Amino acid sequence: RSSGTSTITGSITTVPASVGTLFLSSLSAFALAFYRFRLNMTVLMIFVAGMLIPFQMLLIPVYQFSNTVGIYATFQGVILFHIAFQLGFCTFFLRNFMKTIPASLVQSARIDGANDFVIYRKIIMPLTVSSLAALSVLEFTWIWNDYLWGLVLIQSDNLKPVTLGLVMLQGQWVSSYNLIAAGAIIAAAAPIAIFLFFQRYFIQGLTVGAIKG
């Protein structure tokens, strides 16, 4: 199977998983940053605790669950599990950034009659563009380069992502290193393009809060 096909299938899972993760994590981060409720810190700690669980410990439960609900060996299953396992880090990252936004902006908008979704869409999201861009580069790269979940959740060769496609170019007795090198260059093109596109925002996101005054 060609690396071009693997690249296409990798995009089918990477793009929806990255967009879904950023959208859901931005909503949860907004709630944790600006809503005051009794279990606020408890919910945040649950997100943080999810980041500390090694993925290898969850291979068998994830495999059994995906078989039970009928999403094994499908793009939808891989996308959903990527979103689930990346949600904790992204929520923690965005929540900490949103806490630096003055709460008076949200309070003023509420006094003017804006509902929470309008505040989220027109005030908070434009202010978090740099952090979202930095996070989108990281998430796209991590999901694009994923090997574990593609190996566990994908059975058909036609659905395997680019990382597994590169492994398939190496046989037990013969390895076509020229094809592997060419495939690796093709596989690296997408993350490089994403980084170049978001480069300015990525650097701004990494340096937010580094200088005061």
N, C-alpha and C. Protein backbone atom coordinates (compact mmCIF):
# COMPACT_ATOMS: atom_id res chain seq x y z
N ARG A 1 0.84 -1.20 0.00
CA ARG A 1 0.00 0.00 0.00
C ARG A 1 0.88 1.24 0.00
N SER A 2 0.55 2.26 -0.78
CA SER A 2 1.39 3.43 -0.96
C SER A 2 1.33 4.34 0.25
N SER A 3 2.40 5.16 0.41
CA SER A 3 2.43 6.13 1.50
C SER A 3 1.40 7.22 1.28
N GLY A 4 1.09 7.49 -0.02
CA GLY A 4 0.07 8.50 -0.28
C GLY A 4 -1.28 8.10 0.28
N THR A 5 -1.64 6.82 0.14
CA THR A 5 -2.90 6.34 0.70
C THR A 5 -2.88 6.43 2.22
N SER A 6 -1.75 6.06 2.83
CA SER A 6 -1.61 6.16 4.29
C SER A 6 -1.74 7.61 4.75
N THR A 7 -1.19 8.53 3.96
CA THR A 7 -1.29 9.95 4.30
C THR A 7 -2.73 10.41 4.28
N ILE A 8 -3.50 9.96 3.28
CA ILE A 8 -4.91 10.33 3.19
C ILE A 8 -5.69 9.79 4.38
N THR A 9 -5.48 8.51 4.70
CA THR A 9 -6.19 7.92 5.84
C THR A 9 -5.75 8.57 7.15
N GLY A 10 -4.48 8.95 7.25
CA GLY A 10 -4.03 9.66 8.44
C GLY A 10 -4.71 11.00 8.59
N SER A 11 -4.94 11.70 7.47
CA SER A 11 -5.63 12.98 7.52
C SER A 11 -7.08 12.81 7.93
N ILE A 12 -7.70 11.71 7.51
CA ILE A 12 -9.11 11.47 7.83
C ILE A 12 -9.31 11.35 9.34
N THR A 13 -8.33 10.81 10.04
CA THR A 13 -8.44 10.69 11.49
C THR A 13 -7.84 11.90 12.22
N THR A 14 -6.75 12.45 11.71
CA THR A 14 -6.04 13.50 12.42
C THR A 14 -6.81 14.81 12.45
N VAL A 15 -7.34 15.23 11.31
CA VAL A 15 -8.02 16.53 11.24
C VAL A 15 -9.29 16.55 12.10
N PRO A 16 -10.22 15.60 11.97
CA PRO A 16 -11.40 15.63 12.86
C PRO A 16 -11.05 15.47 14.33
N ALA A 17 -10.05 14.62 14.63
CA ALA A 17 -9.67 14.43 16.04
C ALA A 17 -9.09 15.70 16.62
N SER A 18 -8.25 16.40 15.86
CA SER A 18 -7.66 17.65 16.35
C SER A 18 -8.72 18.73 16.54
N VAL A 19 -9.60 18.88 15.54
CA VAL A 19 -10.65 19.90 15.63
C VAL A 19 -11.61 19.59 16.78
N GLY A 20 -12.01 18.33 16.89
CA GLY A 20 -12.91 17.94 17.97
C GLY A 20 -12.30 18.14 19.34
N THR A 21 -11.02 17.80 19.48
CA THR A 21 -10.34 17.98 20.76
C THR A 21 -10.26 19.45 21.15
N LEU A 22 -9.88 20.30 20.20
CA LEU A 22 -9.75 21.73 20.49
C LEU A 22 -11.10 22.36 20.81
N PHE A 23 -12.15 21.96 20.09
CA PHE A 23 -13.47 22.53 20.34
C PHE A 23 -14.00 22.14 21.72
N LEU A 24 -13.96 20.84 22.03
CA LEU A 24 -14.50 20.38 23.32
C LEU A 24 -13.66 20.88 24.49
N SER A 25 -12.34 20.89 24.32
CA SER A 25 -11.47 21.35 25.41
C SER A 25 -11.63 22.84 25.64
N SER A 26 -11.87 23.62 24.58
CA SER A 26 -12.08 25.05 24.77
C SER A 26 -13.38 25.32 25.52
N LEU A 27 -14.41 24.51 25.25
CA LEU A 27 -15.66 24.66 26.00
C LEU A 27 -15.48 24.31 27.47
N SER A 28 -14.83 23.18 27.74
CA SER A 28 -14.62 22.77 29.14
C SER A 28 -13.68 23.73 29.85
N ALA A 29 -12.66 24.23 29.16
CA ALA A 29 -11.74 25.20 29.77
C ALA A 29 -12.46 26.50 30.09
N PHE A 30 -13.35 26.93 29.21
CA PHE A 30 -14.14 28.14 29.46
C PHE A 30 -14.99 27.98 30.70
N ALA A 31 -15.63 26.81 30.83
CA ALA A 31 -16.47 26.57 32.00
C ALA A 31 -15.64 26.55 33.28
N LEU A 32 -14.50 25.87 33.25
CA LEU A 32 -13.66 25.77 34.45
C LEU A 32 -12.98 27.08 34.80
N ALA A 33 -12.76 27.94 33.81
CA ALA A 33 -12.07 29.20 34.07
C ALA A 33 -13.00 30.30 34.57
N PHE A 34 -14.26 30.31 34.11
CA PHE A 34 -15.12 31.45 34.39
C PHE A 34 -16.40 31.10 35.16
N TYR A 35 -16.70 29.82 35.31
CA TYR A 35 -17.85 29.43 36.12
C TYR A 35 -17.38 29.11 37.53
N ARG A 36 -18.15 29.52 38.48
CA ARG A 36 -17.83 29.21 39.88
C ARG A 36 -18.87 28.21 40.40
N PHE A 37 -18.43 26.99 40.65
CA PHE A 37 -19.31 25.97 41.21
C PHE A 37 -18.50 25.10 42.15
N ARG A 38 -19.17 24.32 42.97
CA ARG A 38 -18.54 23.62 44.08
C ARG A 38 -17.48 22.63 43.62
N LEU A 39 -17.73 21.92 42.54
CA LEU A 39 -16.82 20.87 42.09
C LEU A 39 -15.85 21.35 41.01
N ASN A 40 -15.62 22.64 40.94
CA ASN A 40 -14.75 23.18 39.89
C ASN A 40 -13.36 22.55 39.92
N MET A 41 -12.71 22.62 41.07
CA MET A 41 -11.36 22.06 41.19
C MET A 41 -11.35 20.55 41.09
N THR A 42 -12.43 19.91 41.56
CA THR A 42 -12.51 18.45 41.46
C THR A 42 -12.55 18.00 40.01
N VAL A 43 -13.35 18.69 39.20
CA VAL A 43 -13.42 18.36 37.78
C VAL A 43 -12.08 18.60 37.11
N LEU A 44 -11.42 19.71 37.47
CA LEU A 44 -10.09 19.98 36.90
C LEU A 44 -9.11 18.89 37.27
N MET A 45 -9.14 18.42 38.52
CA MET A 45 -8.23 17.36 38.95
C MET A 45 -8.51 16.05 38.22
N ILE A 46 -9.78 15.82 37.86
CA ILE A 46 -10.10 14.62 37.08
C ILE A 46 -9.45 14.69 35.70
N PHE A 47 -9.49 15.87 35.09
CA PHE A 47 -8.82 16.05 33.80
C PHE A 47 -7.32 15.84 33.94
N VAL A 48 -6.74 16.40 35.00
CA VAL A 48 -5.30 16.25 35.20
C VAL A 48 -4.95 14.80 35.49
N ALA A 49 -5.77 14.12 36.29
CA ALA A 49 -5.49 12.72 36.61
C ALA A 49 -5.54 11.85 35.36
N GLY A 50 -6.42 12.18 34.43
CA GLY A 50 -6.46 11.42 33.18
C GLY A 50 -5.18 11.52 32.38
N MET A 51 -4.45 12.63 32.54
CA MET A 51 -3.18 12.80 31.84
C MET A 51 -2.10 11.89 32.41
N LEU A 52 -2.26 11.44 33.65
CA LEU A 52 -1.21 10.67 34.33
C LEU A 52 -1.32 9.17 34.10
N ILE A 53 -2.42 8.72 33.47
CA ILE A 53 -2.61 7.29 33.25
C ILE A 53 -1.89 6.87 31.96
N PRO A 54 -0.95 5.95 32.03
CA PRO A 54 -0.28 5.49 30.80
C PRO A 54 -1.27 4.82 29.85
N PHE A 55 -1.13 5.15 28.57
CA PHE A 55 -2.04 4.58 27.57
C PHE A 55 -1.94 3.06 27.53
N GLN A 56 -0.74 2.52 27.81
CA GLN A 56 -0.55 1.08 27.72
C GLN A 56 -1.42 0.31 28.71
N MET A 57 -1.80 0.94 29.82
CA MET A 57 -2.65 0.29 30.80
C MET A 57 -4.09 0.15 30.30
N LEU A 58 -4.45 0.91 29.27
CA LEU A 58 -5.84 0.95 28.82
C LEU A 58 -6.06 0.20 27.52
N LEU A 59 -5.06 -0.51 27.03
CA LEU A 59 -5.18 -1.17 25.73
C LEU A 59 -6.32 -2.18 25.72
N ILE A 60 -6.35 -3.07 26.72
CA ILE A 60 -7.38 -4.12 26.74
C ILE A 60 -8.77 -3.53 26.98
N PRO A 61 -8.96 -2.62 27.97
CA PRO A 61 -10.31 -2.01 28.12
C PRO A 61 -10.78 -1.27 26.88
N VAL A 62 -9.87 -0.53 26.23
CA VAL A 62 -10.25 0.20 25.03
C VAL A 62 -10.64 -0.76 23.92
N TYR A 63 -9.87 -1.82 23.76
CA TYR A 63 -10.18 -2.82 22.72
C TYR A 63 -11.54 -3.47 22.97
N GLN A 64 -11.78 -3.87 24.22
CA GLN A 64 -13.05 -4.51 24.55
C GLN A 64 -14.23 -3.55 24.40
N PHE A 65 -14.04 -2.32 24.83
CA PHE A 65 -15.12 -1.34 24.73
C PHE A 65 -15.45 -1.03 23.27
N SER A 66 -14.44 -0.86 22.44
CA SER A 66 -14.68 -0.56 21.02
C SER A 66 -15.37 -1.73 20.33
N ASN A 67 -15.05 -2.95 20.73
CA ASN A 67 -15.74 -4.12 20.17
C ASN A 67 -17.19 -4.16 20.62
N THR A 68 -17.43 -3.81 21.88
CA THR A 68 -18.79 -3.88 22.43
C THR A 68 -19.72 -2.88 21.77
N VAL A 69 -19.24 -1.66 21.56
CA VAL A 69 -20.11 -0.61 20.99
C VAL A 69 -20.07 -0.59 19.47
N GLY A 70 -19.25 -1.45 18.85
CA GLY A 70 -19.25 -1.56 17.40
C GLY A 70 -18.46 -0.52 16.65
N ILE A 71 -17.43 0.04 17.28
CA ILE A 71 -16.61 1.04 16.59
C ILE A 71 -15.19 0.55 16.36
N TYR A 72 -14.98 -0.76 16.55
CA TYR A 72 -13.64 -1.30 16.31
C TYR A 72 -13.37 -1.32 14.81
N ALA A 73 -12.12 -1.01 14.45
CA ALA A 73 -11.67 -1.01 13.05
C ALA A 73 -12.44 -0.01 12.20
N THR A 74 -12.76 1.15 12.80
CA THR A 74 -13.42 2.23 12.07
C THR A 74 -12.69 3.54 12.34
N PHE A 75 -12.82 4.47 11.40
CA PHE A 75 -12.24 5.80 11.61
C PHE A 75 -12.89 6.49 12.80
N GLN A 76 -14.20 6.30 12.96
CA GLN A 76 -14.91 6.96 14.05
C GLN A 76 -14.36 6.54 15.40
N GLY A 77 -14.05 5.26 15.55
CA GLY A 77 -13.51 4.78 16.82
C GLY A 77 -12.17 5.40 17.15
N VAL A 78 -11.28 5.46 16.16
CA VAL A 78 -9.96 6.06 16.39
C VAL A 78 -10.09 7.54 16.72
N ILE A 79 -10.96 8.24 16.00
CA ILE A 79 -11.15 9.67 16.25
C ILE A 79 -11.68 9.91 17.66
N LEU A 80 -12.68 9.14 18.07
CA LEU A 80 -13.27 9.33 19.40
C LEU A 80 -12.26 9.05 20.51
N PHE A 81 -11.45 8.03 20.35
CA PHE A 81 -10.47 7.72 21.40
C PHE A 81 -9.35 8.75 21.43
N HIS A 82 -8.96 9.28 20.28
CA HIS A 82 -7.97 10.36 20.28
C HIS A 82 -8.52 11.58 21.02
N ILE A 83 -9.76 11.92 20.74
CA ILE A 83 -10.36 13.07 21.42
C ILE A 83 -10.42 12.83 22.93
N ALA A 84 -10.84 11.64 23.32
CA ALA A 84 -10.98 11.33 24.74
C ALA A 84 -9.65 11.42 25.47
N PHE A 85 -8.59 10.91 24.86
CA PHE A 85 -7.31 10.86 25.57
C PHE A 85 -6.53 12.16 25.47
N GLN A 86 -6.85 13.04 24.55
CA GLN A 86 -6.18 14.32 24.45
C GLN A 86 -6.93 15.43 25.16
N LEU A 87 -8.17 15.15 25.56
CA LEU A 87 -9.02 16.18 26.14
C LEU A 87 -8.48 16.73 27.45
N GLY A 88 -7.90 15.87 28.28
CA GLY A 88 -7.40 16.31 29.58
C GLY A 88 -6.29 17.33 29.47
N PHE A 89 -5.29 17.04 28.65
CA PHE A 89 -4.17 17.97 28.50
C PHE A 89 -4.62 19.28 27.89
N CYS A 90 -5.46 19.22 26.85
CA CYS A 90 -5.90 20.44 26.18
C CYS A 90 -6.75 21.30 27.10
N THR A 91 -7.62 20.68 27.89
CA THR A 91 -8.43 21.44 28.84
C THR A 91 -7.56 22.11 29.89
N PHE A 92 -6.60 21.38 30.42
CA PHE A 92 -5.68 21.94 31.42
C PHE A 92 -4.89 23.11 30.83
N PHE A 93 -4.41 22.95 29.61
CA PHE A 93 -3.62 23.99 28.94
C PHE A 93 -4.45 25.24 28.71
N LEU A 94 -5.64 25.09 28.13
CA LEU A 94 -6.47 26.24 27.79
C LEU A 94 -7.07 26.89 29.03
N ARG A 95 -7.40 26.09 30.02
CA ARG A 95 -7.96 26.66 31.25
C ARG A 95 -6.96 27.57 31.93
N ASN A 96 -5.71 27.15 32.00
CA ASN A 96 -4.68 27.99 32.62
C ASN A 96 -4.47 29.27 31.84
N PHE A 97 -4.58 29.20 30.51
CA PHE A 97 -4.44 30.42 29.71
C PHE A 97 -5.64 31.34 29.92
N MET A 98 -6.85 30.77 29.93
CA MET A 98 -8.04 31.60 30.08
C MET A 98 -8.11 32.28 31.45
N LYS A 99 -7.47 31.67 32.44
CA LYS A 99 -7.46 32.29 33.77
C LYS A 99 -6.70 33.60 33.78
N THR A 100 -5.84 33.82 32.78
CA THR A 100 -5.10 35.08 32.69
C THR A 100 -5.95 36.19 32.09
N ILE A 101 -7.08 35.85 31.49
CA ILE A 101 -7.99 36.86 30.92
C ILE A 101 -8.78 37.50 32.06
N PRO A 102 -8.82 38.82 32.13
CA PRO A 102 -9.57 39.47 33.22
C PRO A 102 -11.03 39.05 33.26
N ALA A 103 -11.47 38.67 34.44
CA ALA A 103 -12.87 38.25 34.59
C ALA A 103 -13.83 39.40 34.37
N SER A 104 -13.33 40.63 34.48
CA SER A 104 -14.19 41.80 34.27
C SER A 104 -14.73 41.86 32.84
N LEU A 105 -14.00 41.30 31.88
CA LEU A 105 -14.49 41.27 30.50
C LEU A 105 -15.76 40.42 30.40
N VAL A 106 -15.74 39.29 31.06
CA VAL A 106 -16.90 38.40 31.04
C VAL A 106 -18.06 39.02 31.81
N GLN A 107 -17.77 39.61 32.96
CA GLN A 107 -18.82 40.23 33.77
C GLN A 107 -19.46 41.41 33.05
N SER A 108 -18.64 42.19 32.36
CA SER A 108 -19.18 43.34 31.62
C SER A 108 -20.09 42.87 30.49
N ALA A 109 -19.68 41.80 29.80
CA ALA A 109 -20.50 41.28 28.72
C ALA A 109 -21.82 40.74 29.25
N ARG A 110 -21.80 40.11 30.41
CA ARG A 110 -23.04 39.59 31.00
C ARG A 110 -23.96 40.73 31.41
N ILE A 111 -23.39 41.81 31.93
CA ILE A 111 -24.21 42.97 32.30
C ILE A 111 -24.88 43.56 31.07
N ASP A 112 -24.15 43.53 29.94
CA ASP A 112 -24.71 44.06 28.69
C ASP A 112 -25.72 43.12 28.05
N GLY A 113 -25.93 41.94 28.63
CA GLY A 113 -26.95 41.03 28.14
C GLY A 113 -26.46 39.90 27.27
N ALA A 114 -25.16 39.75 27.12
CA ALA A 114 -24.63 38.66 26.29
C ALA A 114 -24.75 37.34 27.04
N ASN A 115 -25.18 36.29 26.31
CA ASN A 115 -25.24 34.97 26.94
C ASN A 115 -23.87 34.32 26.92
N ASP A 116 -23.77 33.18 27.57
CA ASP A 116 -22.46 32.56 27.75
C ASP A 116 -21.83 32.14 26.44
N PHE A 117 -22.62 31.63 25.49
CA PHE A 117 -22.04 31.19 24.23
C PHE A 117 -21.53 32.38 23.42
N VAL A 118 -22.22 33.51 23.48
CA VAL A 118 -21.75 34.72 22.79
C VAL A 118 -20.44 35.19 23.41
N ILE A 119 -20.34 35.13 24.73
CA ILE A 119 -19.10 35.51 25.41
C ILE A 119 -17.97 34.58 24.99
N TYR A 120 -18.27 33.29 24.95
CA TYR A 120 -17.26 32.31 24.54
C TYR A 120 -16.80 32.55 23.10
N ARG A 121 -17.74 32.81 22.20
CA ARG A 121 -17.41 32.89 20.77
C ARG A 121 -16.81 34.24 20.38
N LYS A 122 -17.30 35.34 20.97
CA LYS A 122 -16.90 36.66 20.49
C LYS A 122 -15.88 37.36 21.38
N ILE A 123 -15.70 36.87 22.60
CA ILE A 123 -14.74 37.52 23.50
C ILE A 123 -13.59 36.60 23.85
N ILE A 124 -13.89 35.41 24.35
CA ILE A 124 -12.84 34.52 24.84
C ILE A 124 -12.05 33.90 23.69
N MET A 125 -12.72 33.36 22.70
CA MET A 125 -12.01 32.68 21.62
C MET A 125 -11.06 33.59 20.84
N PRO A 126 -11.47 34.84 20.49
CA PRO A 126 -10.48 35.71 19.82
C PRO A 126 -9.25 36.01 20.66
N LEU A 127 -9.40 35.99 21.99
CA LEU A 127 -8.26 36.27 22.87
C LEU A 127 -7.36 35.05 23.06
N THR A 128 -7.85 33.88 22.70
CA THR A 128 -7.07 32.65 22.89
C THR A 128 -6.55 32.08 21.56
N VAL A 129 -6.51 32.92 20.52
CA VAL A 129 -6.07 32.44 19.21
C VAL A 129 -4.64 31.91 19.27
N SER A 130 -3.75 32.64 19.96
CA SER A 130 -2.35 32.22 20.01
C SER A 130 -2.19 30.88 20.72
N SER A 131 -2.89 30.70 21.84
CA SER A 131 -2.78 29.44 22.56
C SER A 131 -3.44 28.30 21.79
N LEU A 132 -4.55 28.57 21.11
CA LEU A 132 -5.18 27.54 20.29
C LEU A 132 -4.30 27.13 19.12
N ALA A 133 -3.61 28.11 18.52
CA ALA A 133 -2.72 27.79 17.41
C ALA A 133 -1.55 26.92 17.88
N ALA A 134 -0.97 27.28 19.02
CA ALA A 134 0.13 26.47 19.56
C ALA A 134 -0.35 25.06 19.88
N LEU A 135 -1.53 24.98 20.48
CA LEU A 135 -2.08 23.67 20.84
C LEU A 135 -2.46 22.85 19.61
N SER A 136 -2.94 23.52 18.57
CA SER A 136 -3.32 22.80 17.35
C SER A 136 -2.11 22.18 16.68
N VAL A 137 -0.97 22.87 16.71
CA VAL A 137 0.25 22.30 16.13
C VAL A 137 0.68 21.07 16.92
N LEU A 138 0.65 21.17 18.24
CA LEU A 138 1.04 20.03 19.08
C LEU A 138 0.09 18.85 18.88
N GLU A 139 -1.20 19.12 18.90
CA GLU A 139 -2.19 18.05 18.78
C GLU A 139 -2.13 17.38 17.41
N PHE A 140 -2.01 18.18 16.36
CA PHE A 140 -1.93 17.60 15.02
C PHE A 140 -0.71 16.70 14.90
N THR A 141 0.42 17.16 15.44
CA THR A 141 1.65 16.37 15.35
C THR A 141 1.53 15.08 16.15
N TRP A 142 1.00 15.16 17.37
CA TRP A 142 0.87 13.97 18.22
C TRP A 142 -0.06 12.94 17.60
N ILE A 143 -1.22 13.40 17.13
CA ILE A 143 -2.19 12.46 16.57
C ILE A 143 -1.70 11.92 15.24
N TRP A 144 -1.08 12.76 14.42
CA TRP A 144 -0.55 12.31 13.13
C TRP A 144 0.51 11.24 13.31
N ASN A 145 1.36 11.39 14.31
CA ASN A 145 2.45 10.45 14.55
C ASN A 145 2.06 9.28 15.43
N ASP A 146 0.78 9.18 15.78
CA ASP A 146 0.35 8.10 16.67
C ASP A 146 0.54 6.74 16.00
N TYR A 147 1.06 5.83 16.79
CA TYR A 147 1.25 4.45 16.33
C TYR A 147 0.42 3.47 17.15
N LEU A 148 0.30 3.76 18.44
CA LEU A 148 -0.32 2.81 19.36
C LEU A 148 -1.78 2.55 19.04
N TRP A 149 -2.61 3.64 18.99
CA TRP A 149 -4.04 3.43 18.80
C TRP A 149 -4.37 2.95 17.39
N GLY A 150 -3.59 3.36 16.42
CA GLY A 150 -3.80 2.83 15.08
C GLY A 150 -3.53 1.33 15.02
N LEU A 151 -2.54 0.88 15.76
CA LEU A 151 -2.21 -0.55 15.79
C LEU A 151 -3.27 -1.35 16.52
N VAL A 152 -3.82 -0.79 17.60
CA VAL A 152 -4.78 -1.52 18.43
C VAL A 152 -6.19 -1.49 17.82
N LEU A 153 -6.58 -0.36 17.27
CA LEU A 153 -7.97 -0.17 16.87
C LEU A 153 -8.24 -0.35 15.38
N ILE A 154 -7.20 -0.45 14.57
CA ILE A 154 -7.39 -0.60 13.12
C ILE A 154 -6.88 -1.96 12.68
N GLN A 155 -7.72 -2.69 11.98
CA GLN A 155 -7.35 -4.02 11.52
C GLN A 155 -7.09 -4.05 10.02
N SER A 156 -7.88 -3.35 9.25
CA SER A 156 -7.74 -3.36 7.80
C SER A 156 -6.54 -2.54 7.36
N ASP A 157 -5.77 -3.05 6.42
CA ASP A 157 -4.62 -2.31 5.90
C ASP A 157 -5.03 -1.02 5.22
N ASN A 158 -6.22 -0.99 4.65
CA ASN A 158 -6.69 0.19 3.93
C ASN A 158 -7.05 1.34 4.86
N LEU A 159 -7.19 1.08 6.16
CA LEU A 159 -7.58 2.11 7.12
C LEU A 159 -6.43 2.54 8.03
N LYS A 160 -5.29 1.91 7.92
CA LYS A 160 -4.20 2.20 8.84
C LYS A 160 -3.58 3.57 8.55
N PRO A 161 -3.14 4.28 9.60
CA PRO A 161 -2.57 5.62 9.40
C PRO A 161 -1.16 5.55 8.84
N VAL A 162 -0.56 6.72 8.66
CA VAL A 162 0.71 6.81 7.96
C VAL A 162 1.84 6.12 8.72
N THR A 163 1.81 6.16 10.05
CA THR A 163 2.88 5.53 10.82
C THR A 163 2.89 4.02 10.60
N LEU A 164 1.72 3.41 10.58
CA LEU A 164 1.65 1.98 10.31
C LEU A 164 1.96 1.68 8.85
N GLY A 165 1.64 2.61 7.97
CA GLY A 165 1.98 2.43 6.57
C GLY A 165 3.49 2.36 6.35
N LEU A 166 4.24 3.15 7.12
CA LEU A 166 5.70 3.10 7.01
C LEU A 166 6.24 1.78 7.54
N VAL A 167 5.64 1.28 8.60
CA VAL A 167 6.08 -0.01 9.15
C VAL A 167 5.85 -1.13 8.14
N MET A 168 4.76 -1.04 7.39
CA MET A 168 4.44 -2.08 6.41
C MET A 168 5.41 -2.11 5.25
N LEU A 169 6.18 -1.04 5.07
CA LEU A 169 7.17 -1.03 4.00
C LEU A 169 8.40 -1.87 4.34
N GLN A 170 8.49 -2.30 5.59
CA GLN A 170 9.63 -3.10 6.04
C GLN A 170 9.18 -4.54 6.25
N GLY A 171 9.76 -5.46 5.50
CA GLY A 171 9.42 -6.87 5.61
C GLY A 171 10.31 -7.60 6.59
N GLN A 172 10.05 -8.89 6.75
CA GLN A 172 10.83 -9.69 7.68
C GLN A 172 12.25 -9.93 7.18
N TRP A 173 12.40 -10.09 5.87
CA TRP A 173 13.71 -10.42 5.31
C TRP A 173 14.28 -9.30 4.46
N VAL A 174 13.42 -8.47 3.90
CA VAL A 174 13.88 -7.41 3.00
C VAL A 174 13.30 -6.08 3.47
N SER A 175 14.12 -5.04 3.48
CA SER A 175 13.68 -3.70 3.83
C SER A 175 14.03 -2.75 2.69
N SER A 176 13.03 -2.07 2.16
CA SER A 176 13.26 -1.10 1.09
C SER A 176 13.48 0.27 1.73
N TYR A 177 14.74 0.53 2.06
CA TYR A 177 15.04 1.76 2.79
C TYR A 177 14.78 3.00 1.94
N ASN A 178 14.92 2.88 0.63
CA ASN A 178 14.61 4.03 -0.21
C ASN A 178 13.13 4.39 -0.15
N LEU A 179 12.25 3.36 -0.15
CA LEU A 179 10.82 3.61 -0.04
C LEU A 179 10.45 4.13 1.35
N ILE A 180 11.11 3.59 2.38
CA ILE A 180 10.83 4.05 3.74
C ILE A 180 11.23 5.51 3.90
N ALA A 181 12.39 5.88 3.35
CA ALA A 181 12.85 7.27 3.45
C ALA A 181 11.90 8.21 2.69
N ALA A 182 11.47 7.77 1.50
CA ALA A 182 10.54 8.60 0.73
C ALA A 182 9.20 8.73 1.45
N GLY A 183 8.73 7.62 2.02
CA GLY A 183 7.48 7.66 2.77
C GLY A 183 7.58 8.54 4.01
N ALA A 184 8.73 8.51 4.68
CA ALA A 184 8.91 9.35 5.86
C ALA A 184 8.88 10.83 5.51
N ILE A 185 9.44 11.18 4.36
CA ILE A 185 9.41 12.58 3.92
C ILE A 185 7.98 13.01 3.63
N ILE A 186 7.23 12.14 2.96
CA ILE A 186 5.82 12.45 2.69
C ILE A 186 5.03 12.58 3.99
N ALA A 187 5.31 11.69 4.93
CA ALA A 187 4.59 11.72 6.22
C ALA A 187 4.92 12.97 7.01
N ALA A 188 6.17 13.46 6.88
CA ALA A 188 6.58 14.65 7.64
C ALA A 188 6.08 15.94 7.02
N ALA A 189 5.61 15.88 5.78
CA ALA A 189 5.21 17.10 5.08
C ALA A 189 4.01 17.78 5.75
N ALA A 190 3.03 16.98 6.20
CA ALA A 190 1.83 17.56 6.78
C ALA A 190 2.10 18.31 8.09
N PRO A 191 2.81 17.71 9.08
CA PRO A 191 3.10 18.47 10.30
C PRO A 191 3.95 19.71 10.04
N ILE A 192 4.88 19.63 9.10
CA ILE A 192 5.70 20.80 8.78
C ILE A 192 4.84 21.90 8.19
N ALA A 193 3.91 21.54 7.30
CA ALA A 193 3.02 22.53 6.70
C ALA A 193 2.15 23.19 7.77
N ILE A 194 1.64 22.39 8.69
CA ILE A 194 0.81 22.95 9.78
C ILE A 194 1.63 23.90 10.64
N PHE A 195 2.86 23.52 10.95
CA PHE A 195 3.71 24.39 11.78
C PHE A 195 4.01 25.69 11.05
N LEU A 196 4.35 25.63 9.78
CA LEU A 196 4.65 26.85 9.02
C LEU A 196 3.43 27.76 8.93
N PHE A 197 2.26 27.15 8.79
CA PHE A 197 1.04 27.94 8.68
C PHE A 197 0.73 28.67 9.99
N PHE A 198 0.94 27.99 11.13
CA PHE A 198 0.64 28.57 12.44
C PHE A 198 1.89 29.07 13.15
N GLN A 199 2.99 29.26 12.44
CA GLN A 199 4.26 29.56 13.08
C GLN A 199 4.19 30.81 13.95
N ARG A 200 3.63 31.87 13.40
CA ARG A 200 3.58 33.14 14.15
C ARG A 200 2.76 32.98 15.42
N TYR A 201 1.59 32.35 15.30
CA TYR A 201 0.74 32.15 16.47
C TYR A 201 1.36 31.15 17.44
N PHE A 202 2.07 30.15 16.90
CA PHE A 202 2.70 29.14 17.75
C PHE A 202 3.74 29.78 18.67
N ILE A 203 4.58 30.64 18.12
CA ILE A 203 5.61 31.31 18.92
C ILE A 203 4.97 32.24 19.94
N GLN A 204 3.90 32.96 19.54
CA GLN A 204 3.20 33.82 20.49
C GLN A 204 2.60 33.00 21.63
N GLY A 205 2.05 31.85 21.30
CA GLY A 205 1.43 31.01 22.33
C GLY A 205 2.44 30.46 23.32
N LEU A 206 3.64 30.15 22.84
CA LEU A 206 4.67 29.62 23.73
C LEU A 206 5.24 30.69 24.65
N THR A 207 5.18 31.95 24.22
CA THR A 207 5.80 33.03 25.00
C THR A 207 4.80 33.84 25.80
N VAL A 208 3.53 33.46 25.77
CA VAL A 208 2.52 34.18 26.55
C VAL A 208 2.85 34.09 28.04
N GLY A 209 2.88 35.23 28.69
CA GLY A 209 3.16 35.26 30.12
C GLY A 209 4.64 35.19 30.47
N ALA A 210 5.51 35.13 29.48
CA ALA A 210 6.95 35.07 29.77
C ALA A 210 7.49 36.41 30.23
N ILE A 211 6.87 37.50 29.77
CA ILE A 211 7.32 38.85 30.12
C ILE A 211 6.18 39.61 30.73
N LYS A 212 6.42 40.21 31.86
CA LYS A 212 5.40 41.01 32.52
C LYS A 212 5.77 42.49 32.43
N GLY A 213 4.73 43.31 32.48
CA GLY A 213 4.97 44.74 32.46
C GLY A 213 4.80 45.35 31.08
